[in-house]
Amino acid sequence: MAKRKGASDTGDAAMKKSVQELLEIRKEHEKKIGQVDKDIEATLQEEFHEVWEDKIKPALERFKDTADELLHRFSDFEDDFRGYLREREPDVKPGLLAEIYGDSLKNAFTGTQHQTGRKRRWSPEVKKKLLADFEKAKEEGEGAEYLKSHGLTYTHITNWKRSLLKAAQAAESMTDKP
């Protein structure tokens, strides 16, 4: 039995030595892999920077210049178009004019937008005041500007008028009954 015990001790020692050698080799490989990863990352950063500076950044600058030029051209012709349309079609409703030359194109280039998020709610009194003010502005030919300045659309006005009419008809029908 003594032979076996000694043989197994020698085998265990050899196995431990082999395992330690493998662990050392593994550590060396992990260091090499880590260094290769760093080298790859540095190369990618350099290449990205070159591509950014040589291609992407100039393309973005050209795009911005083009957008600025289009916005400038749009602004130059906007007033002319409004005057032309009002002269040719004086009976066009202000809501339609707002839809035709609203700020959608201009907003696309300047990045401005109407309020978004929560749905706004108005009390009946505020709706009546807004409707009355809109009608005054409409008579003066400033209906579209009024809607724009208050963040409203012609659909708001139409829906509010419709609901007020229904409410008035319902109240009238209740008072007509004996």
C-alpha atoms as a PDB file:
ATOM      1  CA  MET A   1       0.000   0.000   0.000  1.00  0.00           C
ATOM      2  CA  ALA A   2       2.927   2.270   0.615  1.00  0.00           C
ATOM      3  CA  LYS A   3       3.835   2.135  -3.078  1.00  0.00           C
ATOM      4  CA  ARG A   4       0.427   3.215  -4.135  1.00  0.00           C
ATOM      5  CA  LYS A   5       0.339   6.055  -1.693  1.00  0.00           C
ATOM      6  CA  GLY A   6       3.713   7.353  -2.899  1.00  0.00           C
ATOM      7  CA  ALA A   7       2.718   6.952  -6.524  1.00  0.00           C
ATOM      8  CA  SER A   8      -0.488   8.841  -5.978  1.00  0.00           C
ATOM      9  CA  ASP A   9       1.387  11.632  -4.154  1.00  0.00           C
ATOM     10  CA  THR A  10       3.717  11.964  -7.095  1.00  0.00           C
ATOM     11  CA  GLY A  11       0.783  11.958  -9.511  1.00  0.00           C
ATOM     12  CA  ASP A  12      -1.081  14.566  -7.423  1.00  0.00           C
ATOM     13  CA  ALA A  13       1.970  16.798  -7.340  1.00  0.00           C
ATOM     14  CA  ALA A  14       2.407  16.492 -11.103  1.00  0.00           C
ATOM     15  CA  MET A  15      -1.283  17.222 -11.613  1.00  0.00           C
ATOM     16  CA  LYS A  16      -1.125  20.294  -9.326  1.00  0.00           C
ATOM     17  CA  LYS A  17       1.909  21.507 -11.245  1.00  0.00           C
ATOM     18  CA  SER A  18       0.083  21.003 -14.559  1.00  0.00           C
ATOM     19  CA  VAL A  19      -2.994  22.823 -13.276  1.00  0.00           C
ATOM     20  CA  GLN A  20      -0.864  25.739 -12.057  1.00  0.00           C
ATOM     21  CA  GLU A  21       0.912  25.903 -15.395  1.00  0.00           C
ATOM     22  CA  LEU A  22      -2.451  25.933 -17.181  1.00  0.00           C
ATOM     23  CA  LEU A  23      -3.698  28.707 -14.891  1.00  0.00           C
ATOM     24  CA  GLU A  24      -0.575  30.750 -15.603  1.00  0.00           C
ATOM     25  CA  ILE A  25      -1.015  30.197 -19.330  1.00  0.00           C
ATOM     26  CA  ARG A  26      -4.649  31.244 -18.999  1.00  0.00           C
ATOM     27  CA  LYS A  27      -3.674  34.458 -17.169  1.00  0.00           C
ATOM     28  CA  GLU A  28      -1.127  35.259 -19.881  1.00  0.00           C
ATOM     29  CA  HIS A  29      -3.753  34.671 -22.577  1.00  0.00           C
ATOM     30  CA  GLU A  30      -6.275  36.854 -20.728  1.00  0.00           C
ATOM     31  CA  LYS A  31      -3.660  39.643 -20.529  1.00  0.00           C
ATOM     32  CA  LYS A  32      -2.938  39.272 -24.243  1.00  0.00           C
ATOM     33  CA  ILE A  33      -6.666  39.262 -25.058  1.00  0.00           C
ATOM     34  CA  GLY A  34      -7.156  42.357 -22.894  1.00  0.00           C
ATOM     35  CA  GLN A  35      -4.342  44.109 -24.719  1.00  0.00           C
ATOM     36  CA  VAL A  36      -5.749  43.090 -28.106  1.00  0.00           C
ATOM     37  CA  ASP A  37      -9.174  44.421 -27.019  1.00  0.00           C
ATOM     38  CA  LYS A  38      -7.584  47.743 -26.023  1.00  0.00           C
ATOM     39  CA  ASP A  39      -5.694  47.908 -29.321  1.00  0.00           C
ATOM     40  CA  ILE A  40      -8.871  47.193 -31.284  1.00  0.00           C
ATOM     41  CA  GLU A  41     -10.804  49.813 -29.315  1.00  0.00           C
ATOM     42  CA  ALA A  42      -8.067  52.405 -29.885  1.00  0.00           C
ATOM     43  CA  THR A  43      -7.992  51.597 -33.607  1.00  0.00           C
ATOM     44  CA  LEU A  44     -11.764  51.868 -33.854  1.00  0.00           C
ATOM     45  CA  GLN A  45     -11.707  55.198 -32.024  1.00  0.00           C
ATOM     46  CA  GLU A  46      -9.056  56.514 -34.418  1.00  0.00           C
ATOM     47  CA  GLU A  47     -10.945  55.259 -37.469  1.00  0.00           C
ATOM     48  CA  PHE A  48     -14.243  56.640 -36.199  1.00  0.00           C
ATOM     49  CA  HIS A  49     -12.622  60.006 -35.515  1.00  0.00           C
ATOM     50  CA  GLU A  50     -11.176  60.046 -39.035  1.00  0.00           C
ATOM     51  CA  VAL A  51     -14.537  59.113 -40.580  1.00  0.00           C
ATOM     52  CA  TRP A  52     -16.300  61.660 -38.371  1.00  0.00           C
ATOM     53  CA  GLU A  53     -13.946  64.478 -39.318  1.00  0.00           C
ATOM     54  CA  ASP A  54     -13.572  63.543 -42.997  1.00  0.00           C
ATOM     55  CA  LYS A  55     -17.101  62.466 -43.938  1.00  0.00           C
ATOM     56  CA  ILE A  56     -19.856  62.710 -41.331  1.00  0.00           C
ATOM     57  CA  LYS A  57     -19.162  66.166 -39.917  1.00  0.00           C
ATOM     58  CA  PRO A  58     -18.823  67.855 -43.346  1.00  0.00           C
ATOM     59  CA  ALA A  59     -22.013  66.110 -44.513  1.00  0.00           C
ATOM     60  CA  LEU A  60     -23.898  67.355 -41.441  1.00  0.00           C
ATOM     61  CA  GLU A  61     -22.575  70.867 -41.992  1.00  0.00           C
ATOM     62  CA  ARG A  62     -23.697  70.774 -45.642  1.00  0.00           C
ATOM     63  CA  PHE A  63     -27.116  69.522 -44.529  1.00  0.00           C
ATOM     64  CA  LYS A  64     -27.416  72.338 -41.976  1.00  0.00           C
ATOM     65  CA  ASP A  65     -26.391  74.903 -44.596  1.00  0.00           C
ATOM     66  CA  THR A  66     -28.983  73.491 -47.002  1.00  0.00           C
ATOM     67  CA  ALA A  67     -31.678  73.566 -44.305  1.00  0.00           C
ATOM     68  CA  ASP A  68     -30.774  77.171 -43.440  1.00  0.00           C
ATOM     69  CA  GLU A  69     -30.944  78.140 -47.110  1.00  0.00           C
ATOM     70  CA  LEU A  70     -34.344  76.483 -47.519  1.00  0.00           C
ATOM     71  CA  LEU A  71     -35.649  78.212 -44.406  1.00  0.00           C
ATOM     72  CA  HIS A  72     -34.377  81.525 -45.724  1.00  0.00           C
ATOM     73  CA  ARG A  73     -36.035  80.944 -49.104  1.00  0.00           C
ATOM     74  CA  PHE A  74     -39.263  79.856 -47.424  1.00  0.00           C
ATOM     75  CA  SER A  75     -39.292  83.004 -45.276  1.00  0.00           C
ATOM     76  CA  ASP A  76     -38.697  85.192 -48.351  1.00  0.00           C
ATOM     77  CA  PHE A  77     -41.687  83.757 -50.205  1.00  0.00           C
ATOM     78  CA  GLU A  78     -44.027  83.226 -47.246  1.00  0.00           C
ATOM     79  CA  ASP A  79     -45.291  86.823 -47.087  1.00  0.00           C
ATOM     80  CA  ASP A  80     -45.587  87.047 -50.858  1.00  0.00           C
ATOM     81  CA  PHE A  81     -47.633  83.845 -50.920  1.00  0.00           C
ATOM     82  CA  ARG A  82     -49.936  85.024 -48.141  1.00  0.00           C
ATOM     83  CA  GLY A  83     -50.615  88.299 -49.949  1.00  0.00           C
ATOM     84  CA  TYR A  84     -51.128  86.536 -53.270  1.00  0.00           C
ATOM     85  CA  LEU A  85     -53.588  84.048 -51.773  1.00  0.00           C
ATOM     86  CA  ARG A  86     -55.561  86.740 -49.963  1.00  0.00           C
ATOM     87  CA  GLU A  87     -55.802  88.833 -53.147  1.00  0.00           C
ATOM     88  CA  ARG A  88     -56.864  85.897 -55.341  1.00  0.00           C
ATOM     89  CA  GLU A  89     -59.123  84.111 -52.876  1.00  0.00           C
ATOM     90  CA  PRO A  90     -60.604  86.650 -50.430  1.00  0.00           C
ATOM     91  CA  ASP A  91     -63.444  84.298 -49.504  1.00  0.00           C
ATOM     92  CA  VAL A  92     -61.124  81.530 -48.278  1.00  0.00           C
ATOM     93  CA  LYS A  93     -61.757  80.780 -44.596  1.00  0.00           C
ATOM     94  CA  PRO A  94     -58.970  81.678 -42.121  1.00  0.00           C
ATOM     95  CA  GLY A  95     -58.779  78.053 -40.965  1.00  0.00           C
ATOM     96  CA  LEU A  96     -57.945  76.925 -44.480  1.00  0.00           C
ATOM     97  CA  LEU A  97     -55.325  79.647 -44.803  1.00  0.00           C
ATOM     98  CA  ALA A  98     -53.772  78.461 -41.535  1.00  0.00           C
ATOM     99  CA  GLU A  99     -53.630  74.916 -42.884  1.00  0.00           C
ATOM    100  CA  ILE A 100     -52.155  76.047 -46.218  1.00  0.00           C
ATOM    101  CA  TYR A 101     -49.324  78.185 -44.932  1.00  0.00           C
ATOM    102  CA  GLY A 102     -49.085  77.108 -41.338  1.00  0.00           C
ATOM    103  CA  ASP A 103     -45.817  76.641 -39.546  1.00  0.00           C
ATOM    104  CA  SER A 104     -45.331  72.946 -40.269  1.00  0.00           C
ATOM    105  CA  LEU A 105     -42.568  73.468 -42.861  1.00  0.00           C
ATOM    106  CA  LYS A 106     -40.938  76.236 -40.889  1.00  0.00           C
ATOM    107  CA  ASN A 107     -41.031  74.149 -37.692  1.00  0.00           C
ATOM    108  CA  ALA A 108     -39.391  71.236 -39.457  1.00  0.00           C
ATOM    109  CA  PHE A 109     -36.282  73.350 -40.055  1.00  0.00           C
ATOM    110  CA  THR A 110     -36.180  75.392 -36.857  1.00  0.00           C
ATOM    111  CA  GLY A 111     -37.045  72.505 -34.548  1.00  0.00           C
ATOM    112  CA  THR A 112     -39.908  74.345 -32.854  1.00  0.00           C
ATOM    113  CA  GLN A 113     -43.071  72.471 -32.108  1.00  0.00           C
ATOM    114  CA  HIS A 114     -46.419  73.042 -30.537  1.00  0.00           C
ATOM    115  CA  GLN A 115     -46.943  71.881 -26.995  1.00  0.00           C
ATOM    116  CA  THR A 116     -47.249  68.162 -26.703  1.00  0.00           C
ATOM    117  CA  GLY A 117     -47.927  65.862 -23.836  1.00  0.00           C
ATOM    118  CA  ARG A 118     -51.000  66.164 -21.707  1.00  0.00           C
ATOM    119  CA  LYS A 119     -54.276  67.001 -23.334  1.00  0.00           C
ATOM    120  CA  ARG A 120     -55.324  70.562 -22.608  1.00  0.00           C
ATOM    121  CA  ARG A 121     -58.779  71.229 -21.218  1.00  0.00           C
ATOM    122  CA  TRP A 122     -60.719  74.471 -21.233  1.00  0.00           C
ATOM    123  CA  SER A 123     -63.725  75.402 -19.138  1.00  0.00           C
ATOM    124  CA  PRO A 124     -66.918  76.362 -21.008  1.00  0.00           C
ATOM    125  CA  GLU A 125     -66.357  80.023 -20.040  1.00  0.00           C
ATOM    126  CA  VAL A 126     -62.837  80.029 -21.482  1.00  0.00           C
ATOM    127  CA  LYS A 127     -64.083  78.318 -24.642  1.00  0.00           C
ATOM    128  CA  LYS A 128     -66.769  80.991 -25.091  1.00  0.00           C
ATOM    129  CA  LYS A 129     -64.209  83.772 -24.615  1.00  0.00           C
ATOM    130  CA  LEU A 130     -61.777  82.151 -27.061  1.00  0.00           C
ATOM    131  CA  LEU A 131     -64.584  81.716 -29.604  1.00  0.00           C
ATOM    132  CA  ALA A 132     -65.664  85.351 -29.250  1.00  0.00           C
ATOM    133  CA  ASP A 133     -62.073  86.587 -29.559  1.00  0.00           C
ATOM    134  CA  PHE A 134     -61.520  84.335 -32.567  1.00  0.00           C
ATOM    135  CA  GLU A 135     -64.630  85.711 -34.298  1.00  0.00           C
ATOM    136  CA  LYS A 136     -63.370  89.287 -33.739  1.00  0.00           C
ATOM    137  CA  ALA A 137     -59.954  88.365 -35.115  1.00  0.00           C
ATOM    138  CA  LYS A 138     -61.595  86.577 -38.043  1.00  0.00           C
ATOM    139  CA  GLU A 139     -63.603  89.700 -38.944  1.00  0.00           C
ATOM    140  CA  GLU A 140     -60.328  91.657 -39.018  1.00  0.00           C
ATOM    141  CA  GLY A 141     -58.695  89.004 -41.216  1.00  0.00           C
ATOM    142  CA  GLU A 142     -56.438  87.823 -38.388  1.00  0.00           C
ATOM    143  CA  GLY A 143     -58.183  84.545 -37.534  1.00  0.00           C
ATOM    144  CA  ALA A 144     -55.282  82.294 -38.499  1.00  0.00           C
ATOM    145  CA  GLU A 145     -52.809  84.407 -36.537  1.00  0.00           C
ATOM    146  CA  TYR A 146     -55.119  84.317 -33.499  1.00  0.00           C
ATOM    147  CA  LEU A 147     -55.315  80.523 -33.625  1.00  0.00           C
ATOM    148  CA  LYS A 148     -51.555  80.255 -34.012  1.00  0.00           C
ATOM    149  CA  SER A 149     -50.821  82.634 -31.146  1.00  0.00           C
ATOM    150  CA  HIS A 150     -53.114  80.680 -28.805  1.00  0.00           C
ATOM    151  CA  GLY A 151     -51.912  77.227 -29.913  1.00  0.00           C
ATOM    152  CA  LEU A 152     -55.344  76.366 -31.310  1.00  0.00           C
ATOM    153  CA  THR A 153     -56.542  74.834 -34.537  1.00  0.00           C
ATOM    154  CA  TYR A 154     -59.621  75.465 -36.619  1.00  0.00           C
ATOM    155  CA  THR A 155     -60.818  72.031 -35.482  1.00  0.00           C
ATOM    156  CA  HIS A 156     -60.945  73.309 -31.891  1.00  0.00           C
ATOM    157  CA  ILE A 157     -63.178  76.184 -32.971  1.00  0.00           C
ATOM    158  CA  THR A 158     -65.445  73.961 -35.070  1.00  0.00           C
ATOM    159  CA  ASN A 159     -65.864  71.372 -32.306  1.00  0.00           C
ATOM    160  CA  TRP A 160     -66.519  74.014 -29.652  1.00  0.00           C
ATOM    161  CA  LYS A 161     -69.140  75.725 -31.831  1.00  0.00           C
ATOM    162  CA  ARG A 162     -70.798  72.377 -32.499  1.00  0.00           C
ATOM    163  CA  SER A 163     -70.915  71.456 -28.800  1.00  0.00           C
ATOM    164  CA  LEU A 164     -72.236  74.909 -27.826  1.00  0.00           C
ATOM    165  CA  LEU A 165     -74.941  74.608 -30.485  1.00  0.00           C
ATOM    166  CA  LYS A 166     -75.944  71.169 -29.199  1.00  0.00           C
ATOM    167  CA  ALA A 167     -76.019  72.447 -25.611  1.00  0.00           C
ATOM    168  CA  ALA A 168     -78.175  75.408 -26.647  1.00  0.00           C
ATOM    169  CA  GLN A 169     -80.540  73.125 -28.568  1.00  0.00           C
ATOM    170  CA  ALA A 170     -80.787  70.760 -25.600  1.00  0.00           C
ATOM    171  CA  ALA A 171     -81.515  73.653 -23.228  1.00  0.00           C
ATOM    172  CA  GLU A 172     -84.099  75.037 -25.661  1.00  0.00           C
ATOM    173  CA  SER A 173     -85.843  71.681 -25.992  1.00  0.00           C
ATOM    174  CA  MET A 174     -85.984  71.322 -22.188  1.00  0.00           C
ATOM    175  CA  THR A 175     -87.623  74.739 -21.786  1.00  0.00           C
ATOM    176  CA  ASP A 176     -90.117  74.068 -24.613  1.00  0.00           C
ATOM    177  CA  LYS A 177     -91.583  70.991 -22.888  1.00  0.00           C
ATOM    178  CA  PRO A 178     -94.559  71.589 -20.542  1.00  0.00           C
END
